[in-house]
C-alpha cells in the first residue's frame, strides 16, 4: 500500500474515533439530564398523588403514583444507559 494512502486512511480513522468519543460523551450527558428531568417529574407526580389523596380522590392519587413509578423506572433506565456509554469510553481510553 502506498504510504501516503495509508497515512490518510489512518488520519481518517483517528478522526472517526475522536468524533465517536465526542458523540458518546454528548449522549451520556443527554441521558443524564433526561434521568434528572424524569426524577423531577416523578417527584411532582408523587406530590400530586398526595394532594389528590388528601382531597379524597383515591383513583386519581393511584394514577399519579403509577405515573411516578414509571418515571422513576425510566430515569433508572436512562441513568444505566448513560453509565454504559461512560464505561465504554473509559474502556476505549485504556
PDB file of N, CA and C in Angstrom:
ATOM      1  N   UNK A   1       0.856  -1.181   0.000  1.00  0.00           N
ATOM      2  CA  UNK A   1       0.000   0.000   0.000  1.00  0.00           C
ATOM      3  C   UNK A   1       0.892   1.231   0.000  1.00  0.00           C
ATOM      4  N   UNK A   2       0.463   2.204  -0.752  1.00  0.00           N
ATOM      5  CA  UNK A   2       1.171   3.471  -0.829  1.00  0.00           C
ATOM      6  C   UNK A   2       1.209   4.105   0.559  1.00  0.00           C
ATOM      7  N   UNK A   3       2.377   4.536   1.029  1.00  0.00           N
ATOM      8  CA  UNK A   3       2.474   5.116   2.379  1.00  0.00           C
ATOM      9  C   UNK A   3       1.574   6.341   2.572  1.00  0.00           C
ATOM     10  N   UNK A   4       1.402   7.133   1.552  1.00  0.00           N
ATOM     11  CA  UNK A   4       0.545   8.324   1.666  1.00  0.00           C
ATOM     12  C   UNK A   4      -0.917   7.920   1.837  1.00  0.00           C
ATOM     13  N   UNK A   5      -1.352   6.918   1.100  1.00  0.00           N
ATOM     14  CA  UNK A   5      -2.730   6.421   1.214  1.00  0.00           C
ATOM     15  C   UNK A   5      -2.948   5.839   2.607  1.00  0.00           C
ATOM     16  N   UNK A   6      -1.971   5.097   3.102  1.00  0.00           N
ATOM     17  CA  UNK A   6      -2.069   4.506   4.444  1.00  0.00           C
ATOM     18  C   UNK A   6      -2.148   5.605   5.503  1.00  0.00           C
ATOM     19  N   UNK A   7      -1.349   6.648   5.333  1.00  0.00           N
ATOM     20  CA  UNK A   7      -1.361   7.765   6.285  1.00  0.00           C
ATOM     21  C   UNK A   7      -2.724   8.458   6.295  1.00  0.00           C
ATOM     22  N   UNK A   8      -3.279   8.690   5.104  1.00  0.00           N
ATOM     23  CA  UNK A   8      -4.588   9.340   5.009  1.00  0.00           C
ATOM     24  C   UNK A   8      -5.681   8.481   5.631  1.00  0.00           C
ATOM     25  N   UNK A   9      -5.616   7.187   5.390  1.00  0.00           N
ATOM     26  CA  UNK A   9      -6.603   6.278   5.976  1.00  0.00           C
ATOM     27  C   UNK A   9      -6.497   6.272   7.495  1.00  0.00           C
ATOM     28  N   UNK A  10      -5.280   6.277   8.000  1.00  0.00           N
ATOM     29  CA  UNK A  10      -5.066   6.305   9.448  1.00  0.00           C
ATOM     30  C   UNK A  10      -5.604   7.600  10.057  1.00  0.00           C
ATOM     31  N   UNK A  11      -5.369   8.708   9.390  1.00  0.00           N
ATOM     32  CA  UNK A  11      -5.862  10.001   9.886  1.00  0.00           C
ATOM     33  C   UNK A  11      -7.393  10.037   9.887  1.00  0.00           C
ATOM     34  N   UNK A  12      -8.007   9.508   8.836  1.00  0.00           N
ATOM     35  CA  UNK A  12      -9.474   9.468   8.783  1.00  0.00           C
ATOM     36  C   UNK A  12     -10.033   8.581   9.890  1.00  0.00           C
ATOM     37  N   UNK A  13      -9.368   7.458  10.122  1.00  0.00           N
ATOM     38  CA  UNK A  13      -9.821   6.557  11.181  1.00  0.00           C
ATOM     39  C   UNK A  13      -9.711   7.230  12.545  1.00  0.00           C
ATOM     40  N   UNK A  14      -8.632   7.951  12.776  1.00  0.00           N
ATOM     41  CA  UNK A  14      -8.453   8.647  14.054  1.00  0.00           C
ATOM     42  C   UNK A  14      -9.513   9.735  14.235  1.00  0.00           C
ATOM     43  N   UNK A  15      -9.830  10.451  13.169  1.00  0.00           N
ATOM     44  CA  UNK A  15     -10.893  11.472  13.252  1.00  0.00           C
ATOM     45  C   UNK A  15     -12.233  10.815  13.554  1.00  0.00           C
ATOM     46  N   UNK A  16     -12.497   9.671  12.965  1.00  0.00           N
ATOM     47  CA  UNK A  16     -13.753   8.956  13.227  1.00  0.00           C
ATOM     48  C   UNK A  16     -13.826   8.503  14.678  1.00  0.00           C
ATOM     49  N   UNK A  17     -12.727   8.013  15.209  1.00  0.00           N
ATOM     50  CA  UNK A  17     -12.694   7.585  16.620  1.00  0.00           C
ATOM     51  C   UNK A  17     -12.923   8.781  17.533  1.00  0.00           C
ATOM     52  N   UNK A  18     -12.275   9.883  17.240  1.00  0.00           N
ATOM     53  CA  UNK A  18     -12.441  11.099  18.048  1.00  0.00           C
ATOM     54  C   UNK A  18     -13.887  11.569  18.010  1.00  0.00           C
ATOM     55  N   UNK A  19     -14.484  11.584  16.821  1.00  0.00           N
ATOM     56  CA  UNK A  19     -15.880  12.021  16.700  1.00  0.00           C
ATOM     57  C   UNK A  19     -16.819  11.078  17.443  1.00  0.00           C
ATOM     58  N   UNK A  20     -16.533   9.798  17.403  1.00  0.00           N
ATOM     59  CA  UNK A  20     -17.351   8.823  18.126  1.00  0.00           C
ATOM     60  C   UNK A  20     -17.276   9.069  19.627  1.00  0.00           C
ATOM     61  N   UNK A  21     -16.096   9.355  20.129  1.00  0.00           N
ATOM     62  CA  UNK A  21     -15.942   9.644  21.565  1.00  0.00           C
ATOM     63  C   UNK A  21     -16.711  10.898  21.961  1.00  0.00           C
ATOM     64  N   UNK A  22     -16.628  11.918  21.130  1.00  0.00           N
ATOM     65  CA  UNK A  22     -17.355  13.161  21.415  1.00  0.00           C
ATOM     66  C   UNK A  22     -18.855  12.896  21.440  1.00  0.00           C
ATOM     67  N   UNK A  23     -19.326  12.165  20.444  1.00  0.00           N
ATOM     68  CA  UNK A  23     -20.750  11.842  20.370  1.00  0.00           C
ATOM     69  C   UNK A  23     -21.188  11.019  21.579  1.00  0.00           C
ATOM     70  N   UNK A  24     -20.377  10.062  21.986  1.00  0.00           N
ATOM     71  CA  UNK A  24     -20.708   9.234  23.155  1.00  0.00           C
ATOM     72  C   UNK A  24     -20.795  10.084  24.415  1.00  0.00           C
ATOM     73  N   UNK A  25     -19.886  11.042  24.583  1.00  0.00           N
ATOM     74  CA  UNK A  25     -19.954  11.938  25.746  1.00  0.00           C
ATOM     75  C   UNK A  25     -21.235  12.770  25.734  1.00  0.00           C
ATOM     76  N   UNK A  26     -21.577  13.284  24.553  1.00  0.00           N
ATOM     77  CA  UNK A  26     -22.813  14.069  24.438  1.00  0.00           C
ATOM     78  C   UNK A  26     -24.039  13.215  24.756  1.00  0.00           C
ATOM     79  N   UNK A  27     -24.051  11.998  24.251  1.00  0.00           N
ATOM     80  CA  UNK A  27     -25.169  11.098  24.502  1.00  0.00           C
ATOM     81  C   UNK A  27     -25.283  10.773  25.990  1.00  0.00           C
ATOM     82  N   UNK A  28     -24.165  10.484  26.623  1.00  0.00           N
ATOM     83  CA  UNK A  28     -24.179  10.190  28.061  1.00  0.00           C
ATOM     84  C   UNK A  28     -24.685  11.392  28.848  1.00  0.00           C
ATOM     85  N   UNK A  29     -24.259  12.574  28.453  1.00  0.00           N
ATOM     86  CA  UNK A  29     -24.710  13.792  29.129  1.00  0.00           C
ATOM     87  C   UNK A  29     -26.216  13.998  28.946  1.00  0.00           C
ATOM     88  N   UNK A  30     -26.692  13.814  27.727  1.00  0.00           N
ATOM     89  CA  UNK A  30     -28.126  13.975  27.458  1.00  0.00           C
ATOM     90  C   UNK A  30     -28.944  12.954  28.240  1.00  0.00           C
ATOM     91  N   UNK A  31     -28.461  11.729  28.310  1.00  0.00           N
ATOM     92  CA  UNK A  31     -29.172  10.703  29.080  1.00  0.00           C
ATOM     93  C   UNK A  31     -29.183  11.045  30.568  1.00  0.00           C
ATOM     94  N   UNK A  32     -28.088  11.587  31.067  1.00  0.00           N
ATOM     95  CA  UNK A  32     -28.043  12.008  32.472  1.00  0.00           C
ATOM     96  C   UNK A  32     -29.051  13.115  32.753  1.00  0.00           C
ATOM     97  N   UNK A  33     -29.113  14.085  31.857  1.00  0.00           N
ATOM     98  CA  UNK A  33     -30.086  15.179  32.036  1.00  0.00           C
ATOM     99  C   UNK A  33     -31.509  14.659  31.923  1.00  0.00           C
ATOM    100  N   UNK A  34     -31.723  13.708  31.027  1.00  0.00           N
ATOM    101  CA  UNK A  34     -33.044  13.100  30.887  1.00  0.00           C
ATOM    102  C   UNK A  34     -33.443  12.406  32.184  1.00  0.00           C
ATOM    103  N   UNK A  35     -32.511  11.677  32.783  1.00  0.00           N
ATOM    104  CA  UNK A  35     -32.787  10.992  34.049  1.00  0.00           C
ATOM    105  C   UNK A  35     -33.169  12.003  35.132  1.00  0.00           C
ATOM    106  N   UNK A  36     -32.456  13.116  35.190  1.00  0.00           N
ATOM    107  CA  UNK A  36     -32.780  14.150  36.184  1.00  0.00           C
ATOM    108  C   UNK A  36     -34.185  14.699  35.958  1.00  0.00           C
ATOM    109  N   UNK A  37     -34.521  14.973  34.714  1.00  0.00           N
ATOM    110  CA  UNK A  37     -35.853  15.510  34.402  1.00  0.00           C
ATOM    111  C   UNK A  37     -36.946  14.502  34.762  1.00  0.00           C
ATOM    112  N   UNK A  38     -36.694  13.235  34.478  1.00  0.00           N
ATOM    113  CA  UNK A  38     -37.671  12.202  34.825  1.00  0.00           C
ATOM    114  C   UNK A  38     -37.843  12.076  36.334  1.00  0.00           C
ATOM    115  N   UNK A  39     -36.763  12.194  37.083  1.00  0.00           N
ATOM    116  CA  UNK A  39     -36.865  12.149  38.545  1.00  0.00           C
ATOM    117  C   UNK A  39     -37.674  13.343  39.064  1.00  0.00           C
ATOM    118  N   UNK A  40     -37.472  14.503  38.461  1.00  0.00           N
ATOM    119  CA  UNK A  40     -38.259  15.671  38.854  1.00  0.00           C
ATOM    120  C   UNK A  40     -39.736  15.450  38.544  1.00  0.00           C
ATOM    121  N   UNK A  41     -40.013  14.865  37.398  1.00  0.00           N
ATOM    122  CA  UNK A  41     -41.400  14.567  37.041  1.00  0.00           C
ATOM    123  C   UNK A  41     -42.014  13.581  38.029  1.00  0.00           C
ATOM    124  N   UNK A  42     -41.238  12.602  38.444  1.00  0.00           N
ATOM    125  CA  UNK A  42     -41.724  11.624  39.418  1.00  0.00           C
ATOM    126  C   UNK A  42     -42.040  12.299  40.741  1.00  0.00           C
ATOM    127  N   UNK A  43     -41.191  13.224  41.152  1.00  0.00           N
ATOM    128  CA  UNK A  43     -41.425  13.950  42.398  1.00  0.00           C
ATOM    129  C   UNK A  43     -42.717  14.760  42.320  1.00  0.00           C
ATOM    130  N   UNK A  44     -42.916  15.421  41.197  1.00  0.00           N
ATOM    131  CA  UNK A  44     -44.151  16.201  41.005  1.00  0.00           C
ATOM    132  C   UNK A  44     -45.367  15.274  41.048  1.00  0.00           C
ATOM    133  N   UNK A  45     -45.266  14.133  40.374  1.00  0.00           N
ATOM    134  CA  UNK A  45     -46.384  13.186  40.371  1.00  0.00           C
ATOM    135  C   UNK A  45     -46.678  12.683  41.782  1.00  0.00           C
ATOM    136  N   UNK A  46     -45.627  12.436  42.563  1.00  0.00           N
ATOM    137  CA  UNK A  46     -45.832  11.998  43.950  1.00  0.00           C
ATOM    138  C   UNK A  46     -46.527  13.087  44.775  1.00  0.00           C
ATOM    139  N   UNK A  47     -46.132  14.340  44.556  1.00  0.00           N
ATOM    140  CA  UNK A  47     -46.783  15.451  45.260  1.00  0.00           C
ATOM    141  C   UNK A  47     -48.246  15.554  44.853  1.00  0.00           C
ATOM    142  N   UNK A  48     -48.515  15.387  43.566  1.00  0.00           N
ATOM    143  CA  UNK A  48     -49.905  15.420  43.091  1.00  0.00           C
ATOM    144  C   UNK A  48     -50.714  14.280  43.708  1.00  0.00           C
ATOM    145  N   UNK A  49     -50.092  13.121  43.820  1.00  0.00           N
ATOM    146  CA  UNK A  49     -50.780  11.973  44.419  1.00  0.00           C
ATOM    147  C   UNK A  49     -51.171  12.284  45.866  1.00  0.00           C
ATOM    148  N   UNK A  50     -50.263  12.894  46.593  1.00  0.00           N
ATOM    149  CA  UNK A  50     -50.566  13.251  47.984  1.00  0.00           C
ATOM    150  C   UNK A  50     -51.713  14.254  48.049  1.00  0.00           C
ATOM    151  N   UNK A  51     -51.683  15.234  47.173  1.00  0.00           N
ATOM    152  CA  UNK A  51     -52.737  16.252  47.141  1.00  0.00           C
ATOM    153  C   UNK A  51     -54.092  15.611  46.828  1.00  0.00           C
ATOM    154  N   UNK A  52     -54.091  14.728  45.832  1.00  0.00           N
ATOM    155  CA  UNK A  52     -55.340  14.076  45.453  1.00  0.00           C
ATOM    156  C   UNK A  52     -55.840  13.130  46.556  1.00  0.00           C
ATOM    157  N   UNK A  53     -54.921  12.496  47.230  1.00  0.00           N
ATOM    158  CA  UNK A  53     -55.288  11.618  48.349  1.00  0.00           C
ATOM    159  C   UNK A  53     -55.967  12.442  49.454  1.00  0.00           C
ATOM    160  N   UNK A  54     -55.382  13.594  49.781  1.00  0.00           N
ATOM    161  CA  UNK A  54     -55.973  14.461  50.812  1.00  0.00           C
ATOM    162  C   UNK A  54     -57.342  14.976  50.392  1.00  0.00           C
ATOM    163  N   UNK A  55     -57.535  15.138  49.074  1.00  0.00           N
ATOM    164  CA  UNK A  55     -58.817  15.623  48.551  1.00  0.00           C
ATOM    165  C   UNK A  55     -59.837  14.497  48.426  1.00  0.00           C
ATOM    166  N   UNK A  56     -59.428  13.283  48.795  1.00  0.00           N
ATOM    167  CA  UNK A  56     -60.352  12.162  48.739  1.00  0.00           C
ATOM    168  C   UNK A  56     -60.484  11.540  47.359  1.00  0.00           C
ATOM    169  N   UNK A  57     -59.582  11.869  46.460  1.00  0.00           N
ATOM    170  CA  UNK A  57     -59.633  11.340  45.089  1.00  0.00           C
ATOM    171  C   UNK A  57     -58.648  10.176  44.971  1.00  0.00           C
ATOM    172  N   UNK A  58     -59.031   9.059  45.540  1.00  0.00           N
ATOM    173  CA  UNK A  58     -58.131   7.901  45.617  1.00  0.00           C
ATOM    174  C   UNK A  58     -57.741   7.347  44.255  1.00  0.00           C
ATOM    175  N   UNK A  59     -58.673   7.304  43.306  1.00  0.00           N
ATOM    176  CA  UNK A  59     -58.344   6.791  41.968  1.00  0.00           C
ATOM    177  C   UNK A  59     -57.314   7.692  41.278  1.00  0.00           C
ATOM    178  N   UNK A  60     -57.525   8.991  41.386  1.00  0.00           N
ATOM    179  CA  UNK A  60     -56.589   9.935  40.777  1.00  0.00           C
ATOM    180  C   UNK A  60     -55.219   9.838  41.457  1.00  0.00           C
ATOM    181  N   UNK A  61     -55.210   9.648  42.764  1.00  0.00           N
ATOM    182  CA  UNK A  61     -53.951   9.503  43.501  1.00  0.00           C
ATOM    183  C   UNK A  61     -53.217   8.248  43.049  1.00  0.00           C
ATOM    184  N   UNK A  62     -53.958   7.176  42.869  1.00  0.00           N
ATOM    185  CA  UNK A  62     -53.341   5.924  42.420  1.00  0.00           C
ATOM    186  C   UNK A  62     -52.722   6.088  41.034  1.00  0.00           C
ATOM    187  N   UNK A  63     -53.407   6.799  40.154  1.00  0.00           N
ATOM    188  CA  UNK A  63     -52.872   7.028  38.817  1.00  0.00           C
ATOM    189  C   UNK A  63     -51.595   7.863  38.886  1.00  0.00           C
ATOM    190  N   UNK A  64     -51.584   8.886  39.720  1.00  0.00           N
ATOM    191  CA  UNK A  64     -50.380   9.711  39.885  1.00  0.00           C
ATOM    192  C   UNK A  64     -49.221   8.872  40.418  1.00  0.00           C
ATOM    193  N   UNK A  65     -49.505   7.950  41.316  1.00  0.00           N
ATOM    194  CA  UNK A  65     -48.444   7.077  41.836  1.00  0.00           C
ATOM    195  C   UNK A  65     -47.903   6.158  40.739  1.00  0.00           C
ATOM    196  N   UNK A  66     -48.782   5.686  39.860  1.00  0.00           N
ATOM    197  CA  UNK A  66     -48.334   4.872  38.723  1.00  0.00           C
ATOM    198  C   UNK A  66     -47.428   5.693  37.798  1.00  0.00           C
ATOM    199  N   UNK A  67     -47.827   6.930  37.571  1.00  0.00           N
ATOM    200  CA  UNK A  67     -47.015   7.825  36.746  1.00  0.00           C
ATOM    201  C   UNK A  67     -45.649   8.032  37.394  1.00  0.00           C
ATOM    202  N   UNK A  68     -45.642   8.256  38.681  1.00  0.00           N
ATOM    203  CA  UNK A  68     -44.376   8.463  39.397  1.00  0.00           C
ATOM    204  C   UNK A  68     -43.490   7.234  39.295  1.00  0.00           C
ATOM    205  N   UNK A  69     -44.092   6.063  39.476  1.00  0.00           N
ATOM    206  CA  UNK A  69     -43.308   4.824  39.402  1.00  0.00           C
ATOM    207  C   UNK A  69     -42.692   4.655  38.009  1.00  0.00           C
ATOM    208  N   UNK A  70     -43.496   4.899  36.971  1.00  0.00           N
ATOM    209  CA  UNK A  70     -42.977   4.771  35.604  1.00  0.00           C
ATOM    210  C   UNK A  70     -41.863   5.783  35.338  1.00  0.00           C
ATOM    211  N   UNK A  71     -42.012   6.978  35.868  1.00  0.00           N
ATOM    212  CA  UNK A  71     -40.971   7.997  35.676  1.00  0.00           C
ATOM    213  C   UNK A  71     -39.677   7.584  36.386  1.00  0.00           C
ATOM    214  N   UNK A  72     -39.799   7.039  37.598  1.00  0.00           N
ATOM    215  CA  UNK A  72     -38.608   6.547  38.304  1.00  0.00           C
ATOM    216  C   UNK A  72     -37.932   5.428  37.515  1.00  0.00           C
ATOM    217  N   UNK A  73     -38.736   4.520  36.964  1.00  0.00           N
ATOM    218  CA  UNK A  73     -38.182   3.408  36.182  1.00  0.00           C
ATOM    219  C   UNK A  73     -37.480   3.921  34.928  1.00  0.00           C
ATOM    220  N   UNK A  74     -38.093   4.875  34.247  1.00  0.00           N
ATOM    221  CA  UNK A  74     -37.482   5.436  33.037  1.00  0.00           C
ATOM    222  C   UNK A  74     -36.193   6.176  33.378  1.00  0.00           C
ATOM    223  N   UNK A  75     -36.184   6.869  34.504  1.00  0.00           N
ATOM    224  CA  UNK A  75     -34.968   7.563  34.940  1.00  0.00           C
ATOM    225  C   UNK A  75     -33.849   6.559  35.201  1.00  0.00           C
ATOM    226  N   UNK A  76     -34.191   5.467  35.835  1.00  0.00           N
ATOM    227  CA  UNK A  76     -33.178   4.439  36.115  1.00  0.00           C
ATOM    228  C   UNK A  76     -32.620   3.867  34.806  1.00  0.00           C
ATOM    229  N   UNK A  77     -33.493   3.646  33.818  1.00  0.00           N
ATOM    230  CA  UNK A  77     -33.018   3.141  32.526  1.00  0.00           C
ATOM    231  C   UNK A  77     -32.104   4.156  31.842  1.00  0.00           C
ATOM    232  N   UNK A  78     -32.476   5.420  31.876  1.00  0.00           N
ATOM    233  CA  UNK A  78     -31.657   6.462  31.252  1.00  0.00           C
ATOM    234  C   UNK A  78     -30.304   6.559  31.947  1.00  0.00           C
ATOM    235  N   UNK A  79     -30.313   6.502  33.269  1.00  0.00           N
ATOM    236  CA  UNK A  79     -29.062   6.556  34.027  1.00  0.00           C
ATOM    237  C   UNK A  79     -28.160   5.361  33.691  1.00  0.00           C
ATOM    238  N   UNK A  80     -28.767   4.181  33.582  1.00  0.00           N
ATOM    239  CA  UNK A  80     -27.996   2.975  33.258  1.00  0.00           C
ATOM    240  C   UNK A  80     -27.368   3.087  31.866  1.00  0.00           C
ATOM    241  N   UNK A  81     -28.116   3.605  30.913  1.00  0.00           N
ATOM    242  CA  UNK A  81     -27.570   3.778  29.561  1.00  0.00           C
ATOM    243  C   UNK A  81     -26.437   4.800  29.558  1.00  0.00           C
ATOM    244  N   UNK A  82     -26.601   5.889  30.308  1.00  0.00           N
ATOM    245  CA  UNK A  82     -25.532   6.888  30.406  1.00  0.00           C
ATOM    246  C   UNK A  82     -24.274   6.252  30.980  1.00  0.00           C
ATOM    247  N   UNK A  83     -24.438   5.447  32.011  1.00  0.00           N
ATOM    248  CA  UNK A  83     -23.285   4.776  32.622  1.00  0.00           C
ATOM    249  C   UNK A  83     -22.631   3.803  31.647  1.00  0.00           C
ATOM    250  N   UNK A  84     -23.445   3.120  30.831  1.00  0.00           N
ATOM    251  CA  UNK A  84     -22.892   2.208  29.821  1.00  0.00           C
ATOM    252  C   UNK A  84     -22.002   2.966  28.844  1.00  0.00           C
ATOM    253  N   UNK A  85     -22.467   4.122  28.378  1.00  0.00           N
ATOM    254  CA  UNK A  85     -21.672   4.903  27.437  1.00  0.00           C
ATOM    255  C   UNK A  85     -20.385   5.407  28.084  1.00  0.00           C
ATOM    256  N   UNK A  86     -20.478   5.851  29.333  1.00  0.00           N
ATOM    257  CA  UNK A  86     -19.275   6.334  30.016  1.00  0.00           C
ATOM    258  C   UNK A  86     -18.284   5.195  30.247  1.00  0.00           C
ATOM    259  N   UNK A  87     -18.780   4.036  30.587  1.00  0.00           N
ATOM    260  CA  UNK A  87     -17.906   2.875  30.781  1.00  0.00           C
ATOM    261  C   UNK A  87     -17.228   2.501  29.463  1.00  0.00           C
ATOM    262  N   UNK A  88     -17.971   2.528  28.370  1.00  0.00           N
ATOM    263  CA  UNK A  88     -17.403   2.232  27.070  1.00  0.00           C
ATOM    264  C   UNK A  88     -16.290   3.221  26.737  1.00  0.00           C
ATOM    265  N   UNK A  89     -16.512   4.487  27.036  1.00  0.00           N
ATOM    266  CA  UNK A  89     -15.477   5.491  26.793  1.00  0.00           C
ATOM    267  C   UNK A  89     -14.224   5.201  27.611  1.00  0.00           C
ATOM    268  N   UNK A  90     -14.419   4.849  28.868  1.00  0.00           N
ATOM    269  CA  UNK A  90     -13.272   4.536  29.739  1.00  0.00           C
ATOM    270  C   UNK A  90     -12.497   3.342  29.203  1.00  0.00           C
ATOM    271  N   UNK A  91     -13.222   2.304  28.766  1.00  0.00           N
ATOM    272  CA  UNK A  91     -12.578   1.102  28.245  1.00  0.00           C
ATOM    273  C   UNK A  91     -11.778   1.412  26.975  1.00  0.00           C
ATOM    274  N   UNK A  92     -12.301   2.271  26.140  1.00  0.00           N
ATOM    275  CA  UNK A  92     -11.600   2.602  24.903  1.00  0.00           C
ATOM    276  C   UNK A  92     -10.397   3.500  25.153  1.00  0.00           C
ATOM    277  N   UNK A  93     -10.444   4.259  26.256  1.00  0.00           N
ATOM    278  CA  UNK A  93      -9.338   5.155  26.568  1.00  0.00           C
ATOM    279  C   UNK A  93      -8.116   4.385  27.073  1.00  0.00           C
ATOM    280  N   UNK A  94      -8.349   3.181  27.594  1.00  0.00           N
ATOM    281  CA  UNK A  94      -7.225   2.411  28.139  1.00  0.00           C
ATOM    282  C   UNK A  94      -6.681   1.413  27.159  1.00  0.00           C
TER     283      UNK A  94
END
